[in-house]
Amino acid sequence: MATQAAFLATLPRLARPGRDSAGVAPARVGVAAAGVAKAGADAVRAGAAVAGRPKAVARGVRCRASLIEPDGGRLVDLVAPEEGGRRAALRREAAALPHRVRLGRVEKEWVHVLSEGWASPLRGFMREHEFLQALHFNAIRGEDGRMVNMSVPIVLTVGDAQRRAIQADGATRVVLVDDHDRPVAVLSDIEIYKHNKEERIARTWGTTAPGLPYVEEAITNADDWLIGGDLEVIEPIKYNDGLDQYRLSPAQLREEFARRNADAVFAFQLRNPVHNGHALLMTDTRRRLLKMGYKNPVLLLHPLGGFTKADDVPLSWRMRQHEKVLEEGVLNPESTVVAIFPSPMHYAGPTEVQWHAKARINAGANFYIVGRDPAGMSHPIEKRDLYDADHGKKVLSMAPGLERLNILPFKVAAYDTKQKKMDFFDPSRKDDFLFISGTKMRTLAKNRESPPDGFMCPGGWKVLVEYYDSLVPSEGNSKLREPVAA
């Protein structure tokens, strides 16, 4: 991890995400795809040149690079700049505003997502026309008239009493505060509209069955009105949990990819520990890209860092396990960037996987690895999967606004009992392969049983066992959640 560590060491010197120490925004906008390469059935739209480290330019000025262009043509940056006194002024304005909307854990994570441009070109919590477009079309129309993928609503709720008070005052600005009543951001040019929960749930998840984790966390008991508007965040969102150095913004990731002279970036999202089957898939993807003619494809290993359901392995433990994967050479640190994706998890299958892919475009990825049942889960009531396992990759190949992104279907990996290692499944000798599900992996770790040799690197397995040893036996795994950082 030496290469990434050197880059991370520079981050405290940045005045803010995406800016150098002089307060100047670095080059952040790439050029749309310029060439085509093929390998078998894969058609690849690729950048024309290898990027060097971009020079600092004035904010908003376009520059050329080989990375894929962000949605809308430029990254959105909603954090108030320190230079010129804007951040201090916004802090004073926020303190004086009479109407305060309190953010829960998930809402603050969405502020983080919006502020760094993961949802570019969205500039704040959705107004009604954006909410309806996302809900019914899985896309929103940008300023240039083009449809940009946006498959999950990013919204903020307010109660009826607060709605009436805001409207009675004719207020156009409100301050968003955390659970300690500290100002986080200001929402301007606001619009308040009805929160039709059942419609939102049905269209996002395809079911209104009780027990959907995100629904129970953020929607069922939420208020009946939504408030949208332009967002300006007072300062970069930090969690102070020892992991902030991994929370690289899209601008910072683009800077790192350019520093490494990446001519292709392929992203892999996961919310579980990495086993050698995952690693095989990622290393094989790099091999395929090299065969296509790329000189330096870089992997973005991008675990989800927002809200997850109670029985998922917490982020802090997953990051420790990912570190071991690189330390032990299962993945090459020179061609791998590990970072945290700050989005909350919906478990909304083919609908949500579009959001996961779209956000990685804004981070500079032009390839996205999609596996079986991405963002899926078991049905909350019935004993079956909630979504068809193949629909995620099929939807990504057709989704509006994702035409520029190259989808790489997940090749099935399993444990080869003959070779005693993870390998791609060969149906001609199917009896030689052992499939170890995530549930089976967790059961082995909980019971301190050893997995087959070569299933997971020793250090990574040790971390997983330590996590399950750390649980309070009387509460059981299903009742444990990762603590929310201050």
Protein backbone atom coordinates (compact mmCIF):
# COMPACT_ATOMS: atom_id res chain seq x y z
CA MET A 1 0.00 0.00 0.00
CA ALA A 2 3.03 2.26 -0.25
CA THR A 3 1.80 4.11 -3.33
CA GLN A 4 -1.57 4.93 -1.85
CA ALA A 5 -0.08 5.69 1.54
CA ALA A 6 2.14 8.35 -0.01
CA PHE A 7 -0.90 9.98 -1.58
CA LEU A 8 -2.97 9.77 1.60
CA ALA A 9 -0.17 11.45 3.51
CA THR A 10 -0.67 14.56 1.39
CA LEU A 11 -4.35 14.92 2.19
CA PRO A 12 -4.06 16.87 5.46
CA ARG A 13 -2.24 19.57 3.49
CA LEU A 14 -5.19 20.07 1.18
CA ALA A 15 -7.21 23.11 2.10
CA ARG A 16 -10.34 21.09 1.25
CA PRO A 17 -11.24 18.09 -0.88
CA GLY A 18 -10.33 18.83 -4.48
CA ARG A 19 -8.15 21.87 -3.71
CA ASP A 20 -4.45 22.41 -3.34
CA SER A 21 -2.84 24.23 -0.45
CA ALA A 22 -3.25 27.54 -2.22
CA GLY A 23 -7.00 27.04 -2.47
CA VAL A 24 -6.93 26.37 -6.20
CA ALA A 25 -9.07 23.60 -7.65
CA PRO A 26 -7.06 20.95 -9.49
CA ALA A 27 -8.02 19.68 -12.91
CA ARG A 28 -11.17 17.70 -12.37
CA VAL A 29 -12.85 17.18 -15.73
CA GLY A 30 -11.83 14.54 -18.21
CA VAL A 31 -12.59 14.18 -21.89
CA ALA A 32 -15.33 11.92 -23.20
CA ALA A 33 -14.27 8.60 -24.71
CA ALA A 34 -12.15 8.98 -27.80
CA GLY A 35 -11.28 5.54 -29.10
CA VAL A 36 -12.50 1.96 -29.34
CA ALA A 37 -10.68 -1.26 -28.51
CA LYS A 38 -12.11 -4.76 -28.62
CA ALA A 39 -11.37 -8.13 -27.08
CA GLY A 40 -13.82 -10.87 -27.95
CA ALA A 41 -17.33 -9.59 -27.39
CA ASP A 42 -16.24 -6.67 -25.21
CA ALA A 43 -16.42 -3.25 -26.86
CA VAL A 44 -14.45 -0.65 -24.94
CA ARG A 45 -14.80 3.09 -25.18
CA ALA A 46 -11.49 4.38 -23.86
CA GLY A 47 -9.63 7.63 -23.29
CA ALA A 48 -7.19 8.61 -25.98
CA ALA A 49 -4.15 9.49 -23.91
CA VAL A 50 -2.37 8.45 -20.74
CA ALA A 51 -2.89 11.06 -18.05
CA GLY A 52 -0.07 12.71 -16.18
CA ARG A 53 -0.58 14.57 -12.93
CA PRO A 54 -2.91 17.46 -13.78
CA LYS A 55 -1.82 21.04 -13.28
CA ALA A 56 -3.79 23.28 -10.96
CA VAL A 57 -6.23 25.54 -12.76
CA ALA A 58 -8.81 28.11 -11.80
CA ARG A 59 -12.06 26.68 -10.43
CA GLY A 60 -14.44 25.53 -13.13
CA VAL A 61 -11.93 25.70 -16.01
CA ARG A 62 -11.99 22.62 -18.22
CA CYS A 63 -8.88 20.58 -18.80
CA ARG A 64 -7.97 17.47 -20.76
CA ALA A 65 -7.30 14.10 -19.18
CA SER A 66 -7.89 10.48 -20.09
CA LEU A 67 -10.44 9.87 -17.34
CA ILE A 68 -14.11 9.59 -18.22
CA GLU A 69 -16.02 12.87 -18.08
CA PRO A 70 -18.27 13.35 -15.01
CA ASP A 71 -22.02 13.43 -15.49
CA GLY A 72 -23.03 16.92 -16.53
CA GLY A 73 -19.51 17.75 -17.75
CA ARG A 74 -17.96 18.79 -14.43
CA LEU A 75 -17.90 17.62 -10.85
CA VAL A 76 -20.24 19.34 -8.45
CA ASP A 77 -18.49 20.69 -5.33
CA LEU A 78 -20.91 21.91 -2.67
CA VAL A 79 -18.48 22.59 0.20
CA ALA A 80 -18.05 26.28 0.98
CA PRO A 81 -14.47 27.40 0.18
CA GLU A 82 -12.33 28.82 2.95
CA GLU A 83 -10.72 31.31 0.61
CA GLY A 84 -12.51 34.62 0.29
CA GLY A 85 -14.17 34.15 3.68
CA ARG A 86 -17.13 32.22 2.25
CA ARG A 87 -16.99 29.40 4.80
CA ALA A 88 -16.91 31.79 7.74
CA ALA A 89 -19.75 33.82 6.24
CA LEU A 90 -21.87 30.72 5.72
CA ARG A 91 -21.26 29.64 9.28
CA ARG A 92 -22.54 33.03 10.49
CA GLU A 93 -25.57 32.83 8.20
CA ALA A 94 -26.38 29.35 9.43
CA ALA A 95 -26.27 30.48 13.06
CA ALA A 96 -28.76 33.24 12.32
CA LEU A 97 -31.32 31.21 10.36
CA PRO A 98 -34.49 30.56 12.41
CA HIS A 99 -35.51 27.24 10.83
CA ARG A 100 -33.35 24.21 11.60
CA VAL A 101 -33.84 20.78 10.01
CA ARG A 102 -32.22 17.97 11.98
CA LEU A 103 -30.22 15.35 10.08
CA GLY A 104 -30.24 11.71 11.09
CA ARG A 105 -27.38 9.33 10.34
CA VAL A 106 -28.57 8.48 6.82
CA GLU A 107 -29.42 12.08 5.93
CA LYS A 108 -25.94 13.22 6.96
CA GLU A 109 -24.44 10.50 4.77
CA TRP A 110 -26.48 11.89 1.86
CA VAL A 111 -25.14 15.38 2.61
CA HIS A 112 -21.65 13.87 2.33
CA VAL A 113 -22.53 12.19 -0.98
CA LEU A 114 -24.02 15.36 -2.46
CA SER A 115 -21.28 17.67 -1.20
CA GLU A 116 -18.46 15.83 -2.98
CA GLY A 117 -20.19 15.39 -6.32
CA TRP A 118 -20.94 11.66 -6.27
CA ALA A 119 -24.43 12.56 -7.50
CA SER A 120 -23.28 15.16 -10.06
CA PRO A 121 -24.96 17.08 -11.58
CA LEU A 122 -27.39 17.12 -8.63
CA ARG A 123 -26.75 20.21 -6.50
CA GLY A 124 -28.79 19.43 -3.43
CA PHE A 125 -31.65 17.42 -2.03
CA MET A 126 -34.16 16.76 -4.79
CA ARG A 127 -36.99 19.10 -5.58
CA GLU A 128 -40.26 17.50 -6.67
CA HIS A 129 -39.54 17.42 -10.42
CA GLU A 130 -36.18 15.71 -9.75
CA PHE A 131 -37.75 13.29 -7.27
CA LEU A 132 -40.42 12.25 -9.78
CA GLN A 133 -37.89 11.81 -12.57
CA ALA A 134 -35.66 9.63 -10.37
CA LEU A 135 -38.62 7.62 -9.13
CA HIS A 136 -40.28 7.00 -12.49
CA PHE A 137 -37.44 7.20 -15.03
CA ASN A 138 -34.35 6.29 -12.95
CA ALA A 139 -32.78 9.41 -14.48
CA ILE A 140 -32.92 13.20 -14.30
CA ARG A 141 -32.55 15.71 -17.09
CA GLY A 142 -29.40 17.82 -16.89
CA GLU A 143 -29.05 21.48 -17.81
CA ASP A 144 -27.91 20.48 -21.31
CA GLY A 145 -31.09 18.46 -21.83
CA ARG A 146 -29.40 15.07 -21.62
CA MET A 147 -30.71 12.37 -19.30
CA VAL A 148 -28.34 11.52 -16.46
CA ASN A 149 -28.80 8.30 -14.55
CA MET A 150 -30.19 8.77 -11.04
CA SER A 151 -32.00 5.65 -9.90
CA VAL A 152 -32.51 6.34 -6.18
CA PRO A 153 -34.17 9.43 -4.72
CA ILE A 154 -31.89 11.60 -2.59
CA VAL A 155 -34.34 13.43 -0.39
CA LEU A 156 -34.73 15.07 3.01
CA THR A 157 -37.88 14.93 5.16
CA VAL A 158 -39.58 17.53 7.37
CA GLY A 159 -42.59 17.27 9.67
CA ASP A 160 -45.94 18.97 9.14
CA ALA A 161 -45.50 21.47 11.97
CA GLN A 162 -42.11 22.54 10.65
CA ARG A 163 -43.47 22.76 7.10
CA ARG A 164 -46.26 25.08 8.23
CA ALA A 165 -43.83 27.25 10.21
CA ILE A 166 -41.42 27.60 7.27
CA GLN A 167 -44.19 28.41 4.84
CA ALA A 168 -45.86 30.86 7.24
CA ASP A 169 -42.59 32.81 7.45
CA GLY A 170 -42.05 32.69 3.69
CA ALA A 171 -38.57 31.33 4.40
CA THR A 172 -36.42 30.37 1.41
CA ARG A 173 -33.41 29.08 3.39
CA VAL A 174 -33.06 26.60 6.25
CA VAL A 175 -30.04 25.32 8.15
CA LEU A 176 -29.36 21.60 8.40
CA VAL A 177 -28.00 20.56 11.80
CA ASP A 178 -26.57 17.34 13.24
CA ASP A 179 -27.83 15.47 16.29
CA HIS A 180 -25.83 17.86 18.52
CA ASP A 181 -27.57 20.87 16.92
CA ARG A 182 -24.37 21.91 15.13
CA PRO A 183 -24.90 23.56 11.72
CA VAL A 184 -23.79 21.31 8.85
CA ALA A 185 -25.17 23.00 5.74
CA VAL A 186 -27.62 25.52 4.37
CA LEU A 187 -30.42 24.59 1.98
CA SER A 188 -31.50 27.49 -0.25
CA ASP A 189 -34.32 28.24 -2.69
CA ILE A 190 -36.28 25.54 -0.96
CA GLU A 191 -39.32 23.61 -2.13
CA ILE A 192 -41.54 21.50 0.14
CA TYR A 193 -43.73 18.74 -1.27
CA LYS A 194 -45.58 15.61 -0.19
CA HIS A 195 -43.62 12.48 0.77
CA ASN A 196 -45.61 9.62 -0.76
CA LYS A 197 -43.87 6.84 1.12
CA GLU A 198 -45.72 3.87 -0.34
CA GLU A 199 -45.11 5.00 -3.91
CA ARG A 200 -41.43 5.66 -3.16
CA ILE A 201 -40.96 2.25 -1.56
CA ALA A 202 -42.85 0.34 -4.24
CA ARG A 203 -41.02 1.95 -7.14
CA THR A 204 -37.55 1.74 -5.55
CA TRP A 205 -37.73 -1.81 -4.17
CA GLY A 206 -40.50 -3.38 -6.25
CA THR A 207 -42.25 -4.46 -3.07
CA THR A 208 -43.77 -2.93 0.06
CA ALA A 209 -43.14 -6.05 2.16
CA PRO A 210 -42.13 -5.19 5.73
CA GLY A 211 -38.55 -5.74 6.79
CA LEU A 212 -36.60 -3.86 4.12
CA PRO A 213 -33.56 -2.53 6.05
CA TYR A 214 -33.26 0.94 4.50
CA VAL A 215 -37.02 1.44 4.60
CA GLU A 216 -37.15 0.65 8.30
CA GLU A 217 -34.13 2.85 8.98
CA ALA A 218 -35.01 5.92 6.92
CA ILE A 219 -38.56 5.89 5.53
CA THR A 220 -41.19 4.08 7.63
CA ASN A 221 -40.99 6.48 10.58
CA ALA A 222 -39.85 9.49 8.55
CA ASP A 223 -41.86 12.67 8.22
CA ASP A 224 -44.60 13.17 5.63
CA TRP A 225 -43.04 16.04 3.68
CA LEU A 226 -39.88 16.40 1.61
CA ILE A 227 -37.77 19.54 1.38
CA GLY A 228 -35.45 20.12 -1.56
CA GLY A 229 -33.13 22.92 -2.59
CA ASP A 230 -29.59 23.99 -3.36
CA LEU A 231 -27.09 22.71 -0.81
CA GLU A 232 -24.02 24.50 0.52
CA VAL A 233 -22.03 22.57 3.10
CA ILE A 234 -20.09 24.49 5.73
CA GLU A 235 -17.06 22.19 5.84
CA PRO A 236 -16.08 18.73 4.59
CA ILE A 237 -17.94 15.91 6.31
CA LYS A 238 -15.71 13.98 8.72
CA TYR A 239 -16.49 10.97 10.92
CA ASN A 240 -13.41 10.97 13.19
CA ASP A 241 -13.44 7.17 13.27
CA GLY A 242 -9.89 6.55 12.11
CA LEU A 243 -11.03 5.95 8.52
CA ASP A 244 -11.39 9.47 7.14
CA GLN A 245 -8.11 9.10 5.23
CA TYR A 246 -9.86 6.49 3.07
CA ARG A 247 -12.86 8.68 2.30
CA LEU A 248 -11.48 10.13 -0.92
CA SER A 249 -13.79 12.41 -2.87
CA PRO A 250 -14.30 11.96 -6.62
CA ALA A 251 -11.90 14.87 -7.18
CA GLN A 252 -9.24 13.28 -4.98
CA LEU A 253 -9.68 9.91 -6.66
CA ARG A 254 -9.29 11.49 -10.08
CA GLU A 255 -6.12 13.18 -8.88
CA GLU A 256 -4.77 9.85 -7.64
CA PHE A 257 -5.63 8.04 -10.87
CA ALA A 258 -3.89 10.75 -12.85
CA ARG A 259 -0.87 10.58 -10.54
CA ARG A 260 -0.61 6.86 -11.28
CA ASN A 261 -0.92 7.49 -15.04
CA ALA A 262 -4.03 5.30 -15.22
CA ASP A 263 -5.40 4.93 -18.74
CA ALA A 264 -8.39 2.91 -17.48
CA VAL A 265 -10.10 2.65 -14.09
CA PHE A 266 -12.22 -0.36 -13.17
CA ALA A 267 -14.36 -0.22 -10.06
CA PHE A 268 -15.41 -3.04 -7.78
CA GLN A 269 -17.91 -2.41 -5.00
CA LEU A 270 -18.53 -4.78 -2.14
CA ARG A 271 -20.00 -4.64 1.33
CA ASN A 272 -18.45 -7.90 2.53
CA PRO A 273 -14.89 -9.07 3.29
CA VAL A 274 -12.69 -9.80 0.27
CA HIS A 275 -11.94 -13.46 -0.39
CA ASN A 276 -9.60 -14.90 -3.00
CA GLY A 277 -12.46 -15.42 -5.43
CA HIS A 278 -13.03 -11.66 -5.47
CA ALA A 279 -9.30 -11.11 -5.88
CA LEU A 280 -9.17 -13.56 -8.78
CA LEU A 281 -11.95 -11.66 -10.51
CA MET A 282 -10.21 -8.31 -10.03
CA THR A 283 -6.78 -9.49 -11.15
CA ASP A 284 -8.31 -11.26 -14.15
CA THR A 285 -10.12 -8.05 -15.09
CA ARG A 286 -6.82 -6.19 -15.12
CA ARG A 287 -5.31 -8.95 -17.26
CA ARG A 288 -8.19 -8.62 -19.73
CA LEU A 289 -7.77 -4.85 -19.92
CA LEU A 290 -4.04 -5.20 -20.55
CA LYS A 291 -4.85 -7.66 -23.32
CA MET A 292 -7.21 -5.08 -24.83
CA GLY A 293 -4.27 -2.70 -25.16
CA TYR A 294 -4.43 -0.59 -22.02
CA LYS A 295 -1.03 0.13 -20.48
CA ASN A 296 -1.93 0.82 -16.86
CA PRO A 297 -5.48 -0.07 -15.76
CA VAL A 298 -6.02 0.76 -12.08
CA LEU A 299 -8.48 -0.97 -9.75
CA LEU A 300 -10.73 1.12 -7.52
CA LEU A 301 -11.57 -1.23 -4.65
CA HIS A 302 -14.49 0.71 -3.24
CA PRO A 303 -16.33 -0.77 -0.24
CA LEU A 304 -19.61 0.82 0.69
CA GLY A 305 -19.22 2.93 3.81
CA GLY A 306 -22.69 4.24 4.65
CA PHE A 307 -25.64 2.59 6.38
CA THR A 308 -25.72 -1.22 6.11
CA LYS A 309 -28.04 -3.80 7.61
CA ALA A 310 -27.34 -5.12 11.06
CA ASP A 311 -25.81 -8.49 10.12
CA ASP A 312 -23.29 -7.08 7.63
CA VAL A 313 -19.68 -6.88 8.80
CA PRO A 314 -19.08 -3.29 10.03
CA LEU A 315 -16.99 -0.94 7.94
CA SER A 316 -14.08 -0.65 10.39
CA TRP A 317 -13.54 -4.42 10.35
CA ARG A 318 -13.94 -4.65 6.58
CA MET A 319 -11.30 -1.98 6.09
CA ARG A 320 -8.88 -3.86 8.37
CA GLN A 321 -9.51 -6.98 6.31
CA HIS A 322 -9.00 -5.10 3.01
CA GLU A 323 -5.68 -3.77 4.32
CA LYS A 324 -4.49 -7.34 4.91
CA VAL A 325 -5.44 -8.29 1.35
CA LEU A 326 -3.02 -5.66 0.05
CA GLU A 327 -0.35 -6.23 2.69
CA GLU A 328 -0.19 -9.93 1.82
CA GLY A 329 -0.06 -9.26 -1.91
CA VAL A 330 -3.40 -10.84 -2.82
CA LEU A 331 -4.02 -7.59 -4.72
CA ASN A 332 -1.19 -5.47 -6.10
CA PRO A 333 -0.90 -2.20 -4.12
CA GLU A 334 0.72 -0.49 -7.12
CA SER A 335 -2.38 -0.95 -9.28
CA THR A 336 -5.06 -0.77 -6.57
CA VAL A 337 -6.65 2.23 -4.87
CA VAL A 338 -8.70 1.42 -1.77
CA ALA A 339 -11.24 4.05 -0.79
CA ILE A 340 -14.61 4.26 0.97
CA PHE A 341 -17.82 5.02 -0.93
CA PRO A 342 -19.91 7.10 1.52
CA SER A 343 -23.38 6.17 0.26
CA PRO A 344 -25.98 4.44 2.42
CA MET A 345 -27.02 0.98 1.21
CA HIS A 346 -30.60 0.41 -0.02
CA TYR A 347 -30.47 -3.30 -0.93
CA ALA A 348 -32.67 -2.38 -3.89
CA GLY A 349 -31.15 -4.71 -6.47
CA PRO A 350 -31.26 -3.65 -10.15
CA THR A 351 -32.55 -0.19 -9.20
CA GLU A 352 -29.77 0.55 -6.75
CA VAL A 353 -26.91 -0.96 -8.78
CA GLN A 354 -27.46 1.82 -11.32
CA TRP A 355 -26.70 4.37 -8.60
CA HIS A 356 -23.57 2.48 -7.61
CA ALA A 357 -22.33 2.47 -11.21
CA LYS A 358 -23.28 6.10 -11.92
CA ALA A 359 -21.43 7.39 -8.86
CA ARG A 360 -18.23 5.64 -10.00
CA ILE A 361 -18.39 7.49 -13.34
CA ASN A 362 -18.06 10.70 -11.36
CA ALA A 363 -15.03 9.23 -9.58
CA GLY A 364 -13.34 8.55 -12.94
CA ALA A 365 -14.15 4.86 -13.51
CA ASN A 366 -14.94 3.83 -17.07
CA PHE A 367 -15.34 0.11 -16.24
CA TYR A 368 -17.65 -1.36 -13.61
CA ILE A 369 -17.58 -4.97 -12.45
CA VAL A 370 -21.05 -6.32 -11.76
CA GLY A 371 -21.73 -9.65 -10.11
CA ARG A 372 -24.58 -11.96 -9.29
CA ASP A 373 -27.57 -10.26 -7.66
CA PRO A 374 -25.82 -6.90 -7.13
CA ALA A 375 -27.26 -4.86 -4.26
CA GLY A 376 -29.71 -7.71 -3.67
CA MET A 377 -30.89 -9.46 -0.53
CA SER A 378 -33.21 -12.23 0.56
CA HIS A 379 -36.91 -11.49 0.52
CA PRO A 380 -37.77 -10.09 3.96
CA ILE A 381 -40.69 -12.52 4.42
CA GLU A 382 -40.46 -15.36 1.93
CA LYS A 383 -37.59 -17.84 1.61
CA ARG A 384 -36.24 -16.65 -1.74
CA ASP A 385 -34.09 -13.93 -3.25
CA LEU A 386 -35.88 -10.63 -3.64
CA TYR A 387 -34.47 -10.05 -7.16
CA ASP A 388 -33.51 -12.17 -10.13
CA ALA A 389 -29.76 -12.78 -9.85
CA ASP A 390 -29.09 -11.81 -13.49
CA HIS A 391 -31.25 -8.70 -13.71
CA GLY A 392 -28.66 -6.33 -12.23
CA LYS A 393 -26.10 -6.83 -14.99
CA LYS A 394 -28.82 -6.83 -17.66
CA VAL A 395 -30.28 -3.56 -16.40
CA LEU A 396 -26.84 -1.92 -16.28
CA SER A 397 -26.25 -2.78 -19.93
CA MET A 398 -29.48 -0.96 -20.90
CA ALA A 399 -29.81 1.79 -18.29
CA PRO A 400 -30.32 5.37 -19.55
CA GLY A 401 -27.38 7.63 -18.77
CA LEU A 402 -24.87 4.79 -18.35
CA GLU A 403 -24.04 4.34 -22.02
CA ARG A 404 -20.48 5.63 -21.49
CA LEU A 405 -19.74 3.06 -18.78
CA ASN A 406 -18.37 -0.34 -19.77
CA ILE A 407 -20.02 -3.13 -17.80
CA LEU A 408 -17.87 -6.16 -16.98
CA PRO A 409 -20.04 -9.14 -15.94
CA PHE A 410 -18.87 -11.10 -12.92
CA LYS A 411 -17.22 -14.42 -13.84
CA VAL A 412 -18.28 -17.09 -11.37
CA ALA A 413 -15.45 -18.18 -9.06
CA ALA A 414 -15.50 -21.13 -6.69
CA TYR A 415 -13.08 -23.26 -4.70
CA ASP A 416 -11.37 -25.84 -6.91
CA THR A 417 -10.93 -28.89 -4.69
CA LYS A 418 -8.44 -30.44 -7.13
CA GLN A 419 -6.14 -27.42 -7.35
CA LYS A 420 -6.92 -26.33 -3.77
CA LYS A 421 -7.45 -22.70 -4.69
CA MET A 422 -10.14 -20.32 -5.93
CA ASP A 423 -10.65 -20.55 -9.68
CA PHE A 424 -13.24 -19.75 -12.30
CA PHE A 425 -15.99 -22.33 -12.37
CA ASP A 426 -15.65 -24.99 -15.08
CA PRO A 427 -19.06 -26.61 -15.73
CA SER A 428 -17.36 -29.58 -17.45
CA ARG A 429 -16.08 -30.71 -14.04
CA LYS A 430 -18.64 -29.13 -11.77
CA ASP A 431 -18.20 -31.77 -9.05
CA ASP A 432 -14.68 -30.48 -8.42
CA PHE A 433 -15.91 -27.06 -7.28
CA LEU A 434 -17.13 -25.97 -3.88
CA PHE A 435 -19.28 -22.85 -3.60
CA ILE A 436 -18.80 -21.01 -0.33
CA SER A 437 -21.56 -18.46 0.13
CA GLY A 438 -21.27 -15.33 2.23
CA THR A 439 -23.48 -17.01 4.81
CA LYS A 440 -21.21 -20.07 4.89
CA MET A 441 -18.13 -17.84 5.19
CA ARG A 442 -19.65 -16.00 8.14
CA THR A 443 -20.67 -19.27 9.80
CA LEU A 444 -17.13 -20.64 9.53
CA ALA A 445 -15.69 -17.46 11.03
CA LYS A 446 -18.24 -17.38 13.86
CA ASN A 447 -17.42 -20.97 14.75
CA ARG A 448 -13.67 -20.39 14.41
CA GLU A 449 -13.51 -23.11 11.75
CA SER A 450 -10.80 -22.90 9.11
CA PRO A 451 -11.81 -22.32 5.51
CA PRO A 452 -10.23 -24.39 2.71
CA ASP A 453 -6.60 -23.47 1.99
CA GLY A 454 -6.46 -20.61 -0.48
CA PHE A 455 -10.01 -19.36 0.13
CA MET A 456 -8.88 -16.18 1.92
CA CYS A 457 -5.51 -14.74 2.85
CA PRO A 458 -4.48 -15.72 6.43
CA GLY A 459 -4.42 -12.16 7.76
CA GLY A 460 -7.82 -11.34 6.27
CA TRP A 461 -9.37 -14.48 7.75
CA LYS A 462 -7.89 -13.69 11.15
CA VAL A 463 -9.52 -10.24 11.09
CA LEU A 464 -12.90 -11.78 10.24
CA VAL A 465 -12.62 -14.29 13.10
CA GLU A 466 -11.60 -11.49 15.49
CA TYR A 467 -14.70 -9.53 14.49
CA TYR A 468 -17.06 -12.37 15.35
CA ASP A 469 -15.15 -13.02 18.57
CA SER A 470 -15.77 -9.39 19.50
CA LEU A 471 -19.55 -9.66 19.35
CA VAL A 472 -21.58 -9.75 22.54
CA PRO A 473 -22.95 -13.32 22.61
CA SER A 474 -26.12 -12.44 24.50
CA GLU A 475 -27.24 -9.93 21.88
CA GLY A 476 -26.62 -12.03 18.81
CA ASN A 477 -25.28 -10.77 15.51
CA SER A 478 -28.63 -9.59 14.15
CA LYS A 479 -29.02 -6.97 16.88
CA LEU A 480 -25.61 -5.37 16.48
CA ARG A 481 -24.98 -2.24 14.46
CA GLU A 482 -21.79 -0.35 13.85
CA PRO A 483 -21.60 2.64 16.23
CA VAL A 484 -22.25 5.99 14.62
CA ALA A 485 -19.20 8.24 14.83
CA ALA A 486 -19.56 11.69 16.31
